[in-house]
């Protein structure tokens, strides 16, 4: 197994490796070296490496990605109101669609 670079938090790395084993996606030595490269690139972009690893552990992700920014509640609420309510099977009902169309006339 490759030696862990000093700039990678040991506990976060161990948690990531353990999670990969539990989801039955263990890494080869080459895969570990490649993941170190991904982490180094993310660090150069200003990412918190511990947070990147923890995000993957929390979500059981195989890969390593920039830490996702949380969307504000205001933005989420605005997007939800832009569409008509959906019916039981994910389709707009005739009444909901008619109400929605009347709002734009």
Protein backbone atom coordinates (compact mmCIF):
# COMPACT_ATOMS: atom_id res chain seq x y z
CA UNK A 1 0.00 0.00 0.00
CA UNK A 2 1.21 3.52 -0.82
CA UNK A 3 2.33 5.82 1.97
CA UNK A 4 -0.23 8.53 2.73
CA UNK A 5 1.03 12.05 1.98
CA UNK A 6 1.32 14.29 5.06
CA UNK A 7 -1.25 16.78 3.75
CA UNK A 8 -4.03 14.16 3.75
CA UNK A 9 -5.80 13.86 7.12
CA UNK A 10 -5.09 10.29 8.24
CA UNK A 11 -8.45 9.75 9.96
CA UNK A 12 -10.44 11.02 6.99
CA UNK A 13 -8.39 8.86 4.59
CA UNK A 14 -8.84 5.77 6.78
CA UNK A 15 -12.59 6.39 6.86
CA UNK A 16 -12.70 6.67 3.08
CA UNK A 17 -10.69 3.46 2.57
CA UNK A 18 -12.88 1.63 5.11
CA UNK A 19 -16.06 2.84 3.41
CA UNK A 20 -14.73 1.67 0.02
CA UNK A 21 -14.13 -1.79 1.49
CA UNK A 22 -17.62 -1.91 3.01
CA UNK A 23 -19.27 -1.06 -0.31
CA UNK A 24 -17.15 -3.79 -1.88
CA UNK A 25 -15.08 -1.39 -3.99
CA UNK A 26 -11.57 -1.73 -2.51
CA UNK A 27 -8.74 0.14 -4.22
CA UNK A 28 -5.58 -1.27 -5.75
CA UNK A 29 -2.24 0.43 -5.06
CA UNK A 30 -2.54 2.15 -8.44
CA UNK A 31 -6.05 3.38 -7.66
CA UNK A 32 -4.79 4.79 -4.36
CA UNK A 33 -2.02 6.71 -6.16
CA UNK A 34 -4.57 8.04 -8.63
CA UNK A 35 -6.86 9.14 -5.79
CA UNK A 36 -3.91 10.97 -4.20
CA UNK A 37 -3.59 12.85 -7.50
CA UNK A 38 -7.27 13.75 -7.46
CA UNK A 39 -6.95 14.99 -3.87
CA UNK A 40 -3.87 17.04 -4.74
CA UNK A 41 -5.74 18.72 -7.61
CA UNK A 42 -8.69 19.46 -5.33
CA UNK A 43 -6.33 20.87 -2.69
CA UNK A 44 -4.77 23.14 -5.35
CA UNK A 45 -8.28 24.37 -6.13
CA UNK A 46 -8.71 25.36 -2.48
CA UNK A 47 -10.78 22.39 -1.33
CA UNK A 48 -10.57 21.12 2.26
CA UNK A 49 -9.25 17.58 1.76
CA UNK A 50 -10.80 16.27 4.98
CA UNK A 51 -14.19 17.62 3.90
CA UNK A 52 -13.81 16.08 0.43
CA UNK A 53 -13.09 12.66 1.94
CA UNK A 54 -15.87 12.98 4.53
CA UNK A 55 -18.37 13.98 1.82
CA UNK A 56 -17.57 10.79 -0.11
CA UNK A 57 -17.87 8.70 3.06
CA UNK A 58 -21.21 10.24 4.05
CA UNK A 59 -22.66 9.65 0.59
CA UNK A 60 -20.90 6.28 -0.02
CA UNK A 61 -19.35 7.70 -3.17
CA UNK A 62 -16.54 5.75 -4.82
CA UNK A 63 -14.98 8.91 -6.21
CA UNK A 64 -13.71 12.16 -4.76
CA UNK A 65 -15.38 15.42 -5.74
CA UNK A 66 -15.29 19.09 -4.76
CA UNK A 67 -17.38 19.75 -1.68
CA UNK A 68 -20.89 20.58 -2.85
CA UNK A 69 -22.21 23.95 -1.84
CA UNK A 70 -25.57 23.85 -0.13
CA UNK A 71 -28.25 25.69 -2.01
CA UNK A 72 -30.06 28.34 -0.06
CA UNK A 73 -33.67 27.71 0.96
CA UNK A 74 -34.67 30.84 -0.95
CA UNK A 75 -33.32 29.48 -4.23
CA UNK A 76 -34.97 26.10 -3.69
CA UNK A 77 -38.36 27.68 -2.90
CA UNK A 78 -38.18 29.89 -5.99
CA UNK A 79 -37.54 26.93 -8.24
CA UNK A 80 -40.40 24.91 -6.77
CA UNK A 81 -43.00 27.62 -7.36
CA UNK A 82 -42.12 27.94 -11.05
CA UNK A 83 -43.92 24.69 -11.94
CA UNK A 84 -47.46 23.44 -11.41
CA UNK A 85 -48.14 20.93 -8.66
CA UNK A 86 -47.76 17.39 -9.78
CA UNK A 87 -50.45 14.79 -9.46
CA UNK A 88 -50.29 11.32 -7.96
CA UNK A 89 -48.18 9.85 -10.76
CA UNK A 90 -45.85 12.82 -11.30
CA UNK A 91 -48.04 14.47 -13.91
CA UNK A 92 -49.76 17.83 -13.70
CA UNK A 93 -53.48 17.34 -13.21
CA UNK A 94 -55.85 19.20 -15.50
CA UNK A 95 -57.04 21.46 -12.67
CA UNK A 96 -53.49 22.31 -11.55
CA UNK A 97 -52.44 23.02 -15.10
CA UNK A 98 -55.46 25.26 -15.71
CA UNK A 99 -54.72 27.22 -12.49
CA UNK A 100 -51.09 27.57 -13.53
CA UNK A 101 -52.01 28.82 -17.01
CA UNK A 102 -54.46 31.37 -15.60
CA UNK A 103 -51.67 32.90 -13.51
CA UNK A 104 -49.81 33.79 -16.73
CA UNK A 105 -52.72 35.32 -18.68
